[in-house]
């Protein structure tokens, strides 16, 4: 199978209990994938520090609309 994986860290929102993975764990997972011959990119996180990452703006908008 010819595959390429984009690893995108999860951006936390208050509305659910999911937590983001710390950088060290993400890098270990990335290393396992690469060592097994699967090409991958570990994406950088952007915007989560100001609640502007994917999903966070939507959640904030929904909170403010209620």
PDB file of N, CA and C in Angstrom:
ATOM      1  N   UNK A   1       0.846  -1.173   0.000  1.00  0.00           N
ATOM      2  CA  UNK A   1       0.000   0.000   0.000  1.00  0.00           C
ATOM      3  C   UNK A   1       0.897   1.244   0.000  1.00  0.00           C
ATOM      4  N   UNK A   2       0.592   2.163  -0.851  1.00  0.00           N
ATOM      5  CA  UNK A   2       1.318   3.421  -0.928  1.00  0.00           C
ATOM      6  C   UNK A   2       0.530   4.461  -0.127  1.00  0.00           C
ATOM      7  N   UNK A   3       1.069   4.862   1.007  1.00  0.00           N
ATOM      8  CA  UNK A   3       0.338   5.795   1.873  1.00  0.00           C
ATOM      9  C   UNK A   3       1.273   6.864   2.413  1.00  0.00           C
ATOM     10  N   UNK A   4       0.699   8.000   2.735  1.00  0.00           N
ATOM     11  CA  UNK A   4       1.411   9.099   3.376  1.00  0.00           C
ATOM     12  C   UNK A   4       0.502   9.630   4.473  1.00  0.00           C
ATOM     13  N   UNK A   5       1.046   9.769   5.671  1.00  0.00           N
ATOM     14  CA  UNK A   5       0.233  10.174   6.811  1.00  0.00           C
ATOM     15  C   UNK A   5       0.617  11.575   7.267  1.00  0.00           C
ATOM     16  N   UNK A   6      -0.378  12.426   7.430  1.00  0.00           N
ATOM     17  CA  UNK A   6      -0.208  13.733   8.058  1.00  0.00           C
ATOM     18  C   UNK A   6      -0.647  13.596   9.501  1.00  0.00           C
ATOM     19  N   UNK A   7       0.276  13.747  10.433  1.00  0.00           N
ATOM     20  CA  UNK A   7      -0.058  13.703  11.853  1.00  0.00           C
ATOM     21  C   UNK A   7      -0.321  15.128  12.305  1.00  0.00           C
ATOM     22  N   UNK A   8      -1.543  15.381  12.722  1.00  0.00           N
ATOM     23  CA  UNK A   8      -1.956  16.725  13.101  1.00  0.00           C
ATOM     24  C   UNK A   8      -2.357  16.711  14.567  1.00  0.00           C
ATOM     25  N   UNK A   9      -1.624  17.416  15.429  1.00  0.00           N
ATOM     26  CA  UNK A   9      -1.975  17.431  16.851  1.00  0.00           C
ATOM     27  C   UNK A   9      -3.382  17.979  17.068  1.00  0.00           C
ATOM     28  N   UNK A  10      -4.086  17.349  17.967  1.00  0.00           N
ATOM     29  CA  UNK A  10      -5.447  17.753  18.298  1.00  0.00           C
ATOM     30  C   UNK A  10      -5.437  19.062  19.074  1.00  0.00           C
ATOM     31  N   UNK A  11      -6.348  19.954  18.744  1.00  0.00           N
ATOM     32  CA  UNK A  11      -6.499  21.221  19.462  1.00  0.00           C
ATOM     33  C   UNK A  11      -7.664  21.097  20.427  1.00  0.00           C
ATOM     34  N   UNK A  12      -7.375  21.247  21.707  1.00  0.00           N
ATOM     35  CA  UNK A  12      -8.393  21.058  22.738  1.00  0.00           C
ATOM     36  C   UNK A  12      -9.472  22.140  22.678  1.00  0.00           C
ATOM     37  N   UNK A  13     -10.701  21.715  22.958  1.00  0.00           N
ATOM     38  CA  UNK A  13     -11.828  22.621  23.143  1.00  0.00           C
ATOM     39  C   UNK A  13     -12.501  22.220  24.450  1.00  0.00           C
ATOM     40  N   UNK A  14     -13.108  23.179  25.124  1.00  0.00           N
ATOM     41  CA  UNK A  14     -13.715  22.928  26.430  1.00  0.00           C
ATOM     42  C   UNK A  14     -14.916  21.989  26.359  1.00  0.00           C
ATOM     43  N   UNK A  15     -15.569  21.892  25.208  1.00  0.00           N
ATOM     44  CA  UNK A  15     -16.819  21.150  25.089  1.00  0.00           C
ATOM     45  C   UNK A  15     -16.660  19.632  25.152  1.00  0.00           C
ATOM     46  N   UNK A  16     -15.441  19.126  25.078  1.00  0.00           N
ATOM     47  CA  UNK A  16     -15.263  17.674  25.209  1.00  0.00           C
ATOM     48  C   UNK A  16     -14.045  17.390  26.076  1.00  0.00           C
ATOM     49  N   UNK A  17     -13.867  16.151  26.453  1.00  0.00           N
ATOM     50  CA  UNK A  17     -12.790  15.801  27.365  1.00  0.00           C
ATOM     51  C   UNK A  17     -11.508  15.367  26.691  1.00  0.00           C
ATOM     52  N   UNK A  18     -11.412  15.501  25.377  1.00  0.00           N
ATOM     53  CA  UNK A  18     -10.208  15.069  24.677  1.00  0.00           C
ATOM     54  C   UNK A  18      -9.047  16.006  24.978  1.00  0.00           C
ATOM     55  N   UNK A  19      -7.873  15.442  25.133  1.00  0.00           N
ATOM     56  CA  UNK A  19      -6.667  16.218  25.412  1.00  0.00           C
ATOM     57  C   UNK A  19      -5.682  16.057  24.262  1.00  0.00           C
ATOM     58  N   UNK A  20      -4.870  17.066  24.046  1.00  0.00           N
ATOM     59  CA  UNK A  20      -3.851  16.997  23.015  1.00  0.00           C
ATOM     60  C   UNK A  20      -2.700  16.107  23.474  1.00  0.00           C
ATOM     61  N   UNK A  21      -1.968  15.571  22.537  1.00  0.00           N
ATOM     62  CA  UNK A  21      -0.794  14.759  22.835  1.00  0.00           C
ATOM     63  C   UNK A  21       0.403  15.675  23.039  1.00  0.00           C
ATOM     64  N   UNK A  22       1.224  15.350  24.036  1.00  0.00           N
ATOM     65  CA  UNK A  22       2.423  16.164  24.218  1.00  0.00           C
ATOM     66  C   UNK A  22       3.408  15.883  23.085  1.00  0.00           C
ATOM     67  N   UNK A  23       4.313  16.822  22.872  1.00  0.00           N
ATOM     68  CA  UNK A  23       5.228  16.749  21.730  1.00  0.00           C
ATOM     69  C   UNK A  23       6.101  15.496  21.762  1.00  0.00           C
ATOM     70  N   UNK A  24       6.549  15.101  22.928  1.00  0.00           N
ATOM     71  CA  UNK A  24       7.415  13.926  23.045  1.00  0.00           C
ATOM     72  C   UNK A  24       6.687  12.656  22.599  1.00  0.00           C
ATOM     73  N   UNK A  25       5.440  12.485  23.021  1.00  0.00           N
ATOM     74  CA  UNK A  25       4.654  11.319  22.616  1.00  0.00           C
ATOM     75  C   UNK A  25       4.399  11.333  21.115  1.00  0.00           C
ATOM     76  N   UNK A  26       4.080  12.499  20.576  1.00  0.00           N
ATOM     77  CA  UNK A  26       3.848  12.619  19.131  1.00  0.00           C
ATOM     78  C   UNK A  26       5.103  12.242  18.346  1.00  0.00           C
ATOM     79  N   UNK A  27       6.255  12.683  18.812  1.00  0.00           N
ATOM     80  CA  UNK A  27       7.514  12.356  18.128  1.00  0.00           C
ATOM     81  C   UNK A  27       7.819  10.863  18.204  1.00  0.00           C
ATOM     82  N   UNK A  28       7.527  10.230  19.333  1.00  0.00           N
ATOM     83  CA  UNK A  28       7.742   8.779  19.450  1.00  0.00           C
ATOM     84  C   UNK A  28       6.847   8.030  18.464  1.00  0.00           C
ATOM     85  N   UNK A  29       5.586   8.452  18.349  1.00  0.00           N
ATOM     86  CA  UNK A  29       4.664   7.827  17.403  1.00  0.00           C
ATOM     87  C   UNK A  29       5.151   8.028  15.971  1.00  0.00           C
ATOM     88  N   UNK A  30       5.567   9.240  15.660  1.00  0.00           N
ATOM     89  CA  UNK A  30       6.117   9.560  14.336  1.00  0.00           C
ATOM     90  C   UNK A  30       7.307   8.648  14.022  1.00  0.00           C
ATOM     91  N   UNK A  31       8.212   8.476  14.993  1.00  0.00           N
ATOM     92  CA  UNK A  31       9.390   7.613  14.794  1.00  0.00           C
ATOM     93  C   UNK A  31       8.996   6.172  14.503  1.00  0.00           C
ATOM     94  N   UNK A  32       8.000   5.652  15.213  1.00  0.00           N
ATOM     95  CA  UNK A  32       7.540   4.285  14.979  1.00  0.00           C
ATOM     96  C   UNK A  32       7.009   4.139  13.558  1.00  0.00           C
ATOM     97  N   UNK A  33       6.223   5.093  13.128  1.00  0.00           N
ATOM     98  CA  UNK A  33       5.677   5.046  11.776  1.00  0.00           C
ATOM     99  C   UNK A  33       6.798   5.065  10.737  1.00  0.00           C
ATOM    100  N   UNK A  34       7.722   5.992  10.888  1.00  0.00           N
ATOM    101  CA  UNK A  34       8.812   6.110   9.920  1.00  0.00           C
ATOM    102  C   UNK A  34       9.702   4.865   9.908  1.00  0.00           C
ATOM    103  N   UNK A  35       9.992   4.299  11.079  1.00  0.00           N
ATOM    104  CA  UNK A  35      10.841   3.102  11.157  1.00  0.00           C
ATOM    105  C   UNK A  35      10.180   1.893  10.513  1.00  0.00           C
ATOM    106  N   UNK A  36       8.873   1.939  10.369  1.00  0.00           N
ATOM    107  CA  UNK A  36       8.145   0.855   9.722  1.00  0.00           C
ATOM    108  C   UNK A  36       7.861   1.129   8.254  1.00  0.00           C
ATOM    109  N   UNK A  37       8.538   2.135   7.707  1.00  0.00           N
ATOM    110  CA  UNK A  37       8.478   2.384   6.276  1.00  0.00           C
ATOM    111  C   UNK A  37       7.285   3.182   5.786  1.00  0.00           C
ATOM    112  N   UNK A  38       6.568   3.815   6.699  1.00  0.00           N
ATOM    113  CA  UNK A  38       5.427   4.631   6.292  1.00  0.00           C
ATOM    114  C   UNK A  38       5.852   6.100   6.336  1.00  0.00           C
ATOM    115  N   UNK A  39       5.724   6.768   5.229  1.00  0.00           N
ATOM    116  CA  UNK A  39       6.098   8.177   5.171  1.00  0.00           C
ATOM    117  C   UNK A  39       5.064   9.021   5.897  1.00  0.00           C
ATOM    118  N   UNK A  40       5.561  10.003   6.667  1.00  0.00           N
ATOM    119  CA  UNK A  40       4.656  10.826   7.457  1.00  0.00           C
ATOM    120  C   UNK A  40       5.254  12.202   7.693  1.00  0.00           C
ATOM    121  N   UNK A  41       4.380  13.127   8.037  1.00  0.00           N
ATOM    122  CA  UNK A  41       4.765  14.472   8.441  1.00  0.00           C
ATOM    123  C   UNK A  41       4.083  14.753   9.767  1.00  0.00           C
ATOM    124  N   UNK A  42       4.836  15.250  10.732  1.00  0.00           N
ATOM    125  CA  UNK A  42       4.263  15.690  12.001  1.00  0.00           C
ATOM    126  C   UNK A  42       4.073  17.190  11.897  1.00  0.00           C
ATOM    127  N   UNK A  43       2.832  17.601  11.820  1.00  0.00           N
ATOM    128  CA  UNK A  43       2.516  19.012  11.619  1.00  0.00           C
ATOM    129  C   UNK A  43       2.722  19.806  12.901  1.00  0.00           C
ATOM    130  N   UNK A  44       3.004  21.065  12.755  1.00  0.00           N
ATOM    131  CA  UNK A  44       3.153  21.972  13.898  1.00  0.00           C
ATOM    132  C   UNK A  44       1.795  22.474  14.340  1.00  0.00           C
ATOM    133  N   UNK A  45       1.693  22.767  15.625  1.00  0.00           N
ATOM    134  CA  UNK A  45       0.454  23.345  16.152  1.00  0.00           C
ATOM    135  C   UNK A  45       0.523  24.855  15.992  1.00  0.00           C
ATOM    136  N   UNK A  46      -0.577  25.438  15.590  1.00  0.00           N
ATOM    137  CA  UNK A  46      -0.659  26.889  15.430  1.00  0.00           C
ATOM    138  C   UNK A  46      -2.012  27.370  15.916  1.00  0.00           C
ATOM    139  N   UNK A  47      -2.015  28.433  16.665  1.00  0.00           N
ATOM    140  CA  UNK A  47      -3.250  29.098  17.026  1.00  0.00           C
ATOM    141  C   UNK A  47      -3.926  28.617  18.282  1.00  0.00           C
ATOM    142  N   UNK A  48      -3.513  27.466  18.824  1.00  0.00           N
ATOM    143  CA  UNK A  48      -4.221  26.964  19.994  1.00  0.00           C
ATOM    144  C   UNK A  48      -3.986  27.819  21.235  1.00  0.00           C
ATOM    145  N   UNK A  49      -2.884  28.535  21.270  1.00  0.00           N
ATOM    146  CA  UNK A  49      -2.588  29.383  22.428  1.00  0.00           C
ATOM    147  C   UNK A  49      -3.527  30.591  22.519  1.00  0.00           C
ATOM    148  N   UNK A  50      -4.202  30.924  21.418  1.00  0.00           N
ATOM    149  CA  UNK A  50      -5.149  32.046  21.431  1.00  0.00           C
ATOM    150  C   UNK A  50      -6.550  31.593  21.020  1.00  0.00           C
ATOM    151  N   UNK A  51      -6.813  30.284  21.160  1.00  0.00           N
ATOM    152  CA  UNK A  51      -8.096  29.687  20.792  1.00  0.00           C
ATOM    153  C   UNK A  51      -8.484  29.980  19.342  1.00  0.00           C
ATOM    154  N   UNK A  52      -7.499  29.976  18.454  1.00  0.00           N
ATOM    155  CA  UNK A  52      -7.765  30.247  17.043  1.00  0.00           C
ATOM    156  C   UNK A  52      -7.449  29.033  16.168  1.00  0.00           C
ATOM    157  N   UNK A  53      -7.237  27.876  16.775  1.00  0.00           N
ATOM    158  CA  UNK A  53      -6.940  26.681  16.005  1.00  0.00           C
ATOM    159  C   UNK A  53      -8.233  26.042  15.519  1.00  0.00           C
ATOM    160  N   UNK A  54      -8.118  25.061  14.630  1.00  0.00           N
ATOM    161  CA  UNK A  54      -9.286  24.377  14.078  1.00  0.00           C
ATOM    162  C   UNK A  54     -10.199  23.896  15.190  1.00  0.00           C
ATOM    163  N   UNK A  55     -11.468  24.208  15.091  1.00  0.00           N
ATOM    164  CA  UNK A  55     -12.455  23.789  16.071  1.00  0.00           C
ATOM    165  C   UNK A  55     -12.624  24.765  17.214  1.00  0.00           C
ATOM    166  N   UNK A  56     -11.577  25.471  17.579  1.00  0.00           N
ATOM    167  CA  UNK A  56     -11.655  26.380  18.711  1.00  0.00           C
ATOM    168  C   UNK A  56     -12.455  27.628  18.382  1.00  0.00           C
ATOM    169  N   UNK A  57     -12.289  28.172  17.194  1.00  0.00           N
ATOM    170  CA  UNK A  57     -13.068  29.351  16.807  1.00  0.00           C
ATOM    171  C   UNK A  57     -14.552  29.020  16.723  1.00  0.00           C
ATOM    172  N   UNK A  58     -14.871  27.848  16.179  1.00  0.00           N
ATOM    173  CA  UNK A  58     -16.259  27.413  16.095  1.00  0.00           C
ATOM    174  C   UNK A  58     -16.854  27.283  17.485  1.00  0.00           C
ATOM    175  N   UNK A  59     -16.121  26.631  18.389  1.00  0.00           N
ATOM    176  CA  UNK A  59     -16.623  26.433  19.745  1.00  0.00           C
ATOM    177  C   UNK A  59     -16.845  27.773  20.443  1.00  0.00           C
ATOM    178  N   UNK A  60     -15.918  28.704  20.266  1.00  0.00           N
ATOM    179  CA  UNK A  60     -16.070  30.018  20.889  1.00  0.00           C
ATOM    180  C   UNK A  60     -17.287  30.736  20.316  1.00  0.00           C
ATOM    181  N   UNK A  61     -17.472  30.659  18.997  1.00  0.00           N
ATOM    182  CA  UNK A  61     -18.614  31.295  18.352  1.00  0.00           C
ATOM    183  C   UNK A  61     -19.925  30.714  18.890  1.00  0.00           C
ATOM    184  N   UNK A  62     -19.988  29.388  19.032  1.00  0.00           N
ATOM    185  CA  UNK A  62     -21.197  28.766  19.538  1.00  0.00           C
ATOM    186  C   UNK A  62     -21.464  29.161  20.991  1.00  0.00           C
ATOM    187  N   UNK A  63     -20.427  29.263  21.809  1.00  0.00           N
ATOM    188  CA  UNK A  63     -20.604  29.706  23.208  1.00  0.00           C
ATOM    189  C   UNK A  63     -21.138  31.115  23.263  1.00  0.00           C
ATOM    190  N   UNK A  64     -20.618  31.985  22.403  1.00  0.00           N
ATOM    191  CA  UNK A  64     -21.023  33.399  22.403  1.00  0.00           C
ATOM    192  C   UNK A  64     -22.407  33.597  21.795  1.00  0.00           C
ATOM    193  N   UNK A  65     -22.881  32.655  20.986  1.00  0.00           N
ATOM    194  CA  UNK A  65     -24.177  32.787  20.328  1.00  0.00           C
ATOM    195  C   UNK A  65     -25.338  32.356  21.224  1.00  0.00           C
ATOM    196  N   UNK A  66     -25.036  31.690  22.315  1.00  0.00           N
ATOM    197  CA  UNK A  66     -26.109  31.155  23.178  1.00  0.00           C
ATOM    198  C   UNK A  66     -26.589  32.163  24.163  1.00  0.00           C
TER     199      UNK A  66
END
